[in-house]
Amino acid sequence: MPLRLHYTRRALRFNFPARTSRGALTEHVAWYLHLADSERPELVGLGEAAPLAGLSPDDRPDVEARLQQLCTAFNARQYAVPPASAAELLEPEWPSLRFGLETAMLDWQLGGRRVLFDNFFSRGEAGLPINGLVWMGDVDFMRTQIRKKLIEGFSCLKMKIGGIDFDTELSLLRSIREVASPAELVLRVDANGAFAPADARAKLAQLAEFELHSIEQPVRAGQWPLLAELCRTSPVPIALDEELIGVTDAARQADLLDTVQPAYIVLKPTLVGGLAAAGRWIEQATARGIGWWMTSALESNVGLNAISQYTAEFATGDMAQGLGTGQLYHNNLTAPLEVRGGKLHYNSQGHWEMPG
């Protein structure tokens, strides 16, 4: 019998409103792609498509209609085995859907056990270092998060900035450094493009006081000449994040990296078109001596698991990944993912909940 593809929907509810540069989110919708074989009902590949509101190219009103079309087209082809690539069925402007289909196919090919890659992480032998994420909010909310992350043993913190008064944000960073030196704690900040071009240089100079690991996307995307100048002169290493979204052509990717010459790139498979697409960015960056790390984009445990296992295929050393978002939801799918001592672990003997 041919493979069959269908989807289910879940509205993931945050433990607290996730304050982003685009407003406060109270829920995040995930679409789960189920790839099944009727002759082997126990074998189901599961993938997650969860467009990020206000940022994903496929955060569109017609996303469910496109999912329906995808399932119809897939089922009409009567595949006995999955196609070689999600790109056979989905255009680049649907990156989160590509990620969902790609990971469902990988899961099916490896037995439908939520093990997409056989490596130290999926075998439960070791965890991946991750940064503790401090969300934007009022000062008391952010201080509470900072204290909690330090108590939990994170050796790398990432703080969202640009959402409150900059002097207050500097004060928060100063309070962190008063209790944890650069040798004890790596500090990252993410501006989500919040700095105005006229203010960016001065703000970067002020941030240098805290010996930051990096700053993500200090100015809004699309300003390559400005970003190139900032990367040359900034006392804080700059990482590109939103800048990568929608840049799918290999020549265009090379042009971006050669023009801007960032210290790092931040890869979100849901936003850049899936795991294979993230791998192409890694190749481009590595060839130029540019560092990288992987970050989830508010996926549930299904997407987080796929990204984490893929990351373990490449990750070396102590580079902290941005893979701690599974704890954000109070109705997340039960999964054997655990955060302990600043690392994300996979319990190979643990239980997976299937979305209904």
Protein backbone atom coordinates (compact mmCIF):
# COMPACT_ATOMS: atom_id res chain seq x y z
CA MET A 1 0.00 0.00 0.00
CA PRO A 2 1.23 3.56 -0.69
CA LEU A 3 2.23 5.97 2.03
CA ARG A 4 -0.41 8.40 3.27
CA LEU A 5 0.13 11.90 4.61
CA HIS A 6 -2.23 13.84 6.84
CA TYR A 7 -1.95 16.58 9.47
CA THR A 8 -3.28 17.55 12.88
CA ARG A 9 -3.27 20.92 14.65
CA ARG A 10 -2.40 21.97 18.18
CA ALA A 11 -2.49 25.44 19.75
CA LEU A 12 0.49 25.51 22.11
CA ARG A 13 -0.12 27.75 25.12
CA PHE A 14 2.76 29.59 26.74
CA ASN A 15 3.50 29.36 30.45
CA PHE A 16 3.79 33.16 30.27
CA PRO A 17 3.20 35.62 27.43
CA ALA A 18 6.29 35.43 25.21
CA ARG A 19 7.20 39.05 24.72
CA THR A 20 8.94 39.51 21.39
CA SER A 21 9.92 42.56 19.36
CA ARG A 22 6.63 41.98 17.50
CA GLY A 23 4.40 41.95 20.56
CA ALA A 24 3.27 39.42 23.16
CA LEU A 25 2.35 35.90 22.10
CA THR A 26 -0.02 33.83 24.22
CA GLU A 27 -0.16 30.79 21.94
CA HIS A 28 1.68 29.27 18.99
CA VAL A 29 0.03 26.97 16.45
CA ALA A 30 1.82 23.79 15.39
CA TRP A 31 0.73 21.60 12.49
CA TYR A 32 1.89 17.99 12.78
CA LEU A 33 2.50 16.01 9.61
CA HIS A 34 1.80 12.28 10.00
CA LEU A 35 3.36 9.98 7.40
CA ALA A 36 1.85 6.50 7.69
CA ASP A 37 1.98 3.08 6.07
CA SER A 38 -1.34 1.23 6.30
CA GLU A 39 0.39 -2.15 6.12
CA ARG A 40 2.50 -1.20 9.15
CA PRO A 41 0.24 0.96 11.34
CA GLU A 42 2.86 1.15 14.08
CA LEU A 43 5.20 2.98 11.68
CA VAL A 44 4.35 6.69 11.62
CA GLY A 45 6.79 9.44 10.74
CA LEU A 46 6.04 12.69 12.57
CA GLY A 47 7.09 16.21 11.58
CA GLU A 48 6.17 19.68 12.77
CA ALA A 49 5.36 22.78 10.76
CA ALA A 50 4.96 25.76 13.08
CA PRO A 51 5.29 29.11 11.27
CA LEU A 52 6.49 31.82 13.62
CA ALA A 53 4.01 34.69 13.81
CA GLY A 54 5.25 37.86 12.17
CA LEU A 55 8.51 36.33 10.99
CA SER A 56 8.06 33.11 9.00
CA PRO A 57 7.50 33.59 5.27
CA ASP A 58 4.68 31.04 5.57
CA ASP A 59 2.91 32.77 8.44
CA ARG A 60 -0.03 33.28 6.11
CA PRO A 61 -3.83 32.90 6.31
CA ASP A 62 -3.70 30.19 3.64
CA VAL A 63 -1.19 27.95 5.43
CA GLU A 64 -3.82 25.29 6.22
CA ALA A 65 -5.04 25.35 2.63
CA ARG A 66 -1.47 24.77 1.48
CA LEU A 67 -1.15 21.89 3.93
CA GLN A 68 -4.31 20.34 2.50
CA GLN A 69 -2.91 20.71 -1.02
CA LEU A 70 0.36 19.14 0.10
CA CYS A 71 -1.36 16.08 1.56
CA THR A 72 -3.54 15.69 -1.55
CA ALA A 73 -0.55 15.95 -3.89
CA PHE A 74 1.55 13.58 -1.79
CA ASN A 75 -1.16 10.95 -1.56
CA ALA A 76 -1.97 11.20 -5.27
CA ARG A 77 1.59 10.20 -6.14
CA GLN A 78 1.22 6.92 -4.24
CA TYR A 79 4.76 6.82 -2.91
CA ALA A 80 6.01 3.45 -1.71
CA VAL A 81 8.92 5.23 -0.05
CA PRO A 82 9.25 8.96 0.67
CA PRO A 83 10.66 11.26 -2.02
CA ALA A 84 14.30 12.29 -1.80
CA SER A 85 13.51 15.86 -0.79
CA ALA A 86 10.63 17.96 0.50
CA ALA A 87 11.54 20.42 -2.28
CA GLU A 88 9.82 18.07 -4.74
CA LEU A 89 6.46 19.11 -3.30
CA LEU A 90 6.96 22.50 -1.65
CA GLU A 91 8.25 25.83 -2.90
CA PRO A 92 10.95 27.78 -0.94
CA GLU A 93 8.35 30.26 0.33
CA TRP A 94 6.97 27.52 2.61
CA PRO A 95 10.03 26.90 4.84
CA SER A 96 8.23 25.62 7.94
CA LEU A 97 6.13 23.22 5.86
CA ARG A 98 9.31 21.96 4.19
CA PHE A 99 10.82 21.39 7.62
CA GLY A 100 7.73 19.48 8.75
CA LEU A 101 7.60 17.24 5.69
CA GLU A 102 11.36 16.68 5.65
CA THR A 103 11.45 15.59 9.29
CA ALA A 104 8.34 13.38 8.96
CA MET A 105 10.06 11.57 6.09
CA LEU A 106 13.29 11.18 8.05
CA ASP A 107 11.40 9.82 11.04
CA TRP A 108 9.53 7.30 8.86
CA GLN A 109 12.74 6.14 7.19
CA LEU A 110 14.31 5.38 10.59
CA GLY A 111 11.35 3.43 11.94
CA GLY A 112 8.95 6.08 13.26
CA ARG A 113 10.60 6.26 16.68
CA ARG A 114 11.37 10.02 16.69
CA VAL A 115 15.03 9.12 16.11
CA LEU A 116 16.04 10.94 12.96
CA PHE A 117 19.82 10.67 13.39
CA ASP A 118 21.84 8.03 15.20
CA ASN A 119 24.36 10.01 17.24
CA PHE A 120 25.55 10.67 20.80
CA PHE A 121 22.53 12.86 21.51
CA SER A 122 19.78 10.53 20.25
CA ARG A 123 21.47 7.58 21.97
CA GLY A 124 21.32 9.47 25.27
CA GLU A 125 25.10 9.39 25.75
CA ALA A 126 25.61 13.13 26.24
CA GLY A 127 23.69 16.38 26.13
CA LEU A 128 24.02 19.50 24.01
CA PRO A 129 25.08 22.73 25.73
CA ILE A 130 22.31 25.32 25.39
CA ASN A 131 21.90 28.96 26.29
CA GLY A 132 19.38 29.95 28.93
CA LEU A 133 16.94 32.31 27.22
CA VAL A 134 15.83 35.47 29.03
CA TRP A 135 12.69 36.86 27.39
CA MET A 136 11.90 40.54 27.03
CA GLY A 137 9.51 42.01 29.56
CA ASP A 138 9.45 44.45 32.46
CA VAL A 139 12.52 44.64 34.65
CA ASP A 140 11.16 42.44 37.47
CA PHE A 141 10.13 39.73 35.00
CA MET A 142 13.57 39.73 33.40
CA ARG A 143 15.42 39.74 36.74
CA THR A 144 13.37 36.73 37.88
CA GLN A 145 14.32 34.82 34.73
CA ILE A 146 18.01 35.70 35.11
CA ARG A 147 18.14 34.49 38.72
CA LYS A 148 16.35 31.26 37.78
CA LYS A 149 18.73 30.49 34.90
CA LEU A 150 21.81 31.10 37.04
CA ILE A 151 20.46 28.83 39.79
CA GLU A 152 19.76 26.13 37.18
CA GLY A 153 23.44 26.08 36.26
CA PHE A 154 23.52 27.60 32.79
CA SER A 155 26.99 28.64 31.63
CA CYS A 156 25.56 30.72 28.77
CA LEU A 157 22.70 33.21 28.95
CA LYS A 158 21.00 34.90 26.02
CA MET A 159 19.03 38.05 26.77
CA LYS A 160 16.53 39.62 24.44
CA ILE A 161 17.04 43.38 24.26
CA GLY A 162 15.31 46.23 22.46
CA GLY A 163 11.96 45.80 24.19
CA ILE A 164 12.43 48.14 27.15
CA ASP A 165 14.54 51.20 27.92
CA PHE A 166 18.14 50.60 26.79
CA ASP A 167 19.63 52.02 30.00
CA THR A 168 17.53 49.54 31.97
CA GLU A 169 18.80 46.72 29.78
CA LEU A 170 22.37 47.86 30.41
CA SER A 171 21.64 47.81 34.14
CA LEU A 172 20.36 44.23 33.87
CA LEU A 173 23.51 43.14 32.05
CA ARG A 174 25.64 44.93 34.65
CA SER A 175 23.85 43.09 37.45
CA ILE A 176 24.62 39.76 35.76
CA ARG A 177 28.29 40.63 35.41
CA GLU A 178 28.45 41.62 39.09
CA VAL A 179 27.78 37.98 40.02
CA ALA A 180 29.31 36.15 37.04
CA SER A 181 32.50 37.13 35.22
CA PRO A 182 33.09 36.42 31.51
CA ALA A 183 35.17 33.40 32.55
CA GLU A 184 32.19 32.03 34.50
CA LEU A 185 29.29 32.93 32.23
CA VAL A 186 28.98 33.51 28.48
CA LEU A 187 26.55 36.31 27.69
CA ARG A 188 24.72 36.78 24.40
CA VAL A 189 22.15 39.39 23.47
CA ASP A 190 19.59 39.44 20.69
CA ALA A 191 18.33 42.79 19.46
CA ASN A 192 15.94 41.39 16.81
CA GLY A 193 16.80 44.35 14.59
CA ALA A 194 15.76 46.92 17.21
CA PHE A 195 18.67 49.38 16.84
CA ALA A 196 18.18 52.39 14.59
CA PRO A 197 21.06 52.92 12.15
CA ALA A 198 21.93 56.24 13.80
CA ASP A 199 22.16 54.64 17.26
CA ALA A 200 23.67 51.25 16.48
CA ARG A 201 27.36 52.15 16.79
CA ALA A 202 26.93 53.93 20.12
CA LYS A 203 24.85 51.11 21.57
CA LEU A 204 27.35 48.48 20.47
CA ALA A 205 30.10 50.50 22.16
CA GLN A 206 28.11 50.59 25.40
CA LEU A 207 27.47 46.84 25.25
CA ALA A 208 31.19 46.14 24.93
CA GLU A 209 31.55 46.81 28.66
CA PHE A 210 30.05 43.41 29.39
CA GLU A 211 32.42 41.34 27.23
CA LEU A 212 29.57 39.74 25.33
CA HIS A 213 29.98 36.63 23.22
CA SER A 214 27.84 38.18 20.46
CA ILE A 215 24.84 40.24 19.51
CA GLU A 216 22.25 38.89 17.11
CA GLN A 217 20.82 41.11 14.38
CA PRO A 218 21.47 44.58 15.85
CA VAL A 219 19.64 46.34 12.97
CA ARG A 220 16.69 45.23 10.87
CA ALA A 221 17.34 42.87 7.98
CA GLY A 222 18.09 44.04 4.45
CA GLN A 223 20.70 46.70 5.21
CA TRP A 224 23.77 44.89 3.95
CA PRO A 225 26.13 47.92 3.62
CA LEU A 226 25.31 49.07 7.15
CA LEU A 227 25.68 45.56 8.56
CA ALA A 228 29.00 45.12 6.77
CA GLU A 229 30.33 48.33 8.32
CA LEU A 230 29.08 47.34 11.78
CA CYS A 231 30.68 43.89 11.48
CA ARG A 232 34.02 45.53 10.63
CA THR A 233 33.93 48.04 13.47
CA SER A 234 31.79 46.62 16.26
CA PRO A 235 33.56 45.78 19.54
CA VAL A 236 30.89 43.07 20.01
CA PRO A 237 30.89 40.18 17.50
CA ILE A 238 27.77 40.26 15.33
CA ALA A 239 25.61 37.27 14.40
CA LEU A 240 23.08 37.27 11.57
CA ASP A 241 19.65 35.86 12.32
CA GLU A 242 16.61 37.35 10.54
CA GLU A 243 19.00 38.34 7.75
CA LEU A 244 19.06 34.71 6.55
CA ILE A 245 15.29 34.36 6.12
CA GLY A 246 14.24 34.10 2.49
CA VAL A 247 17.80 33.89 1.18
CA THR A 248 17.50 30.45 -0.41
CA ASP A 249 19.68 30.71 -3.52
CA ALA A 250 23.27 29.49 -2.97
CA ALA A 251 24.80 32.40 -4.92
CA ARG A 252 22.77 34.89 -2.91
CA GLN A 253 23.82 33.23 0.34
CA ALA A 254 27.47 33.46 -0.68
CA ASP A 255 27.00 37.12 -1.62
CA LEU A 256 25.47 37.89 1.78
CA LEU A 257 28.27 36.24 3.75
CA ASP A 258 31.02 37.72 1.57
CA THR A 259 29.52 41.22 1.76
CA VAL A 260 28.67 41.36 5.45
CA GLN A 261 31.35 39.02 6.87
CA PRO A 262 29.64 38.38 10.21
CA ALA A 263 31.31 36.59 13.09
CA TYR A 264 28.42 34.11 13.32
CA ILE A 265 25.16 33.03 11.75
CA VAL A 266 22.17 31.72 13.71
CA LEU A 267 20.24 28.93 12.02
CA LYS A 268 16.53 28.29 12.56
CA PRO A 269 15.45 25.39 10.32
CA THR A 270 11.78 26.37 10.53
CA LEU A 271 12.65 29.76 9.04
CA VAL A 272 15.36 28.86 6.53
CA GLY A 273 13.65 25.88 4.92
CA GLY A 274 14.50 22.77 6.92
CA LEU A 275 17.48 20.73 8.05
CA ALA A 276 19.05 20.28 4.62
CA ALA A 277 18.74 24.02 4.01
CA ALA A 278 20.43 24.74 7.36
CA GLY A 279 23.18 22.31 6.35
CA ARG A 280 23.87 24.33 3.21
CA TRP A 281 24.26 27.47 5.32
CA ILE A 282 26.70 25.58 7.57
CA GLU A 283 28.78 24.63 4.52
CA GLN A 284 28.84 28.23 3.29
CA ALA A 285 29.78 29.61 6.71
CA THR A 286 32.42 26.98 7.47
CA ALA A 287 34.15 27.63 4.15
CA ARG A 288 34.54 31.28 5.22
CA GLY A 289 35.58 30.73 8.83
CA ILE A 290 32.23 32.02 10.10
CA GLY A 291 30.88 30.40 13.27
CA TRP A 292 27.30 29.21 13.70
CA TRP A 293 24.84 27.81 16.17
CA MET A 294 21.38 26.32 15.83
CA THR A 295 18.25 27.73 17.39
CA SER A 296 14.70 26.49 17.69
CA ALA A 297 11.90 28.89 16.76
CA LEU A 298 9.22 28.12 19.36
CA GLU A 299 8.54 24.64 18.00
CA SER A 300 7.02 22.04 20.29
CA ASN A 301 9.07 19.03 21.37
CA VAL A 302 8.64 17.36 17.96
CA GLY A 303 10.44 20.10 16.07
CA LEU A 304 12.89 20.73 18.89
CA ASN A 305 13.87 17.06 18.91
CA ALA A 306 14.52 17.02 15.16
CA ILE A 307 16.64 20.17 15.28
CA SER A 308 18.60 18.92 18.30
CA GLN A 309 19.41 15.56 16.74
CA TYR A 310 20.51 17.27 13.54
CA THR A 311 22.66 19.73 15.49
CA ALA A 312 24.46 16.81 17.15
CA GLU A 313 25.60 15.69 13.69
CA PHE A 314 27.78 18.82 13.47
CA ALA A 315 28.26 20.31 16.91
CA THR A 316 31.70 20.23 18.45
CA GLY A 317 33.19 21.82 21.56
CA ASP A 318 31.24 23.92 24.02
CA MET A 319 29.29 26.18 21.65
CA ALA A 320 25.90 26.69 23.30
CA GLN A 321 22.93 26.08 21.03
CA GLY A 322 19.59 27.86 21.29
CA LEU A 323 17.54 24.76 22.02
CA GLY A 324 15.80 25.42 25.32
CA THR A 325 12.34 26.50 24.14
CA GLY A 326 10.59 23.20 24.87
CA GLN A 327 9.92 24.36 28.43
CA LEU A 328 7.83 27.33 27.29
CA TYR A 329 4.49 25.51 26.96
CA HIS A 330 2.17 23.97 29.51
CA ASN A 331 0.51 21.73 26.87
CA ASN A 332 3.62 20.60 25.00
CA LEU A 333 3.69 17.02 23.74
CA THR A 334 5.27 14.69 26.27
CA ALA A 335 8.77 13.81 25.07
CA PRO A 336 12.03 12.38 26.47
CA LEU A 337 13.78 15.75 26.25
CA GLU A 338 15.25 17.04 29.50
CA VAL A 339 17.20 20.17 30.43
CA ARG A 340 19.77 19.50 33.14
CA GLY A 341 22.73 21.64 34.17
CA GLY A 342 22.53 23.90 31.14
CA LYS A 343 22.37 21.03 28.64
CA LEU A 344 19.56 19.45 26.63
CA HIS A 345 19.44 15.66 26.98
CA TYR A 346 17.50 12.93 25.19
CA ASN A 347 16.36 9.97 27.28
CA SER A 348 16.46 7.11 24.79
CA GLN A 349 14.20 5.05 27.08
CA GLY A 350 11.63 7.81 27.43
CA HIS A 351 8.04 8.11 26.20
CA TRP A 352 6.67 10.07 23.24
CA GLU A 353 3.12 11.36 23.10
CA MET A 354 1.49 11.29 19.65
CA PRO A 355 -0.58 14.35 18.71
CA GLY A 356 -4.24 13.49 18.19
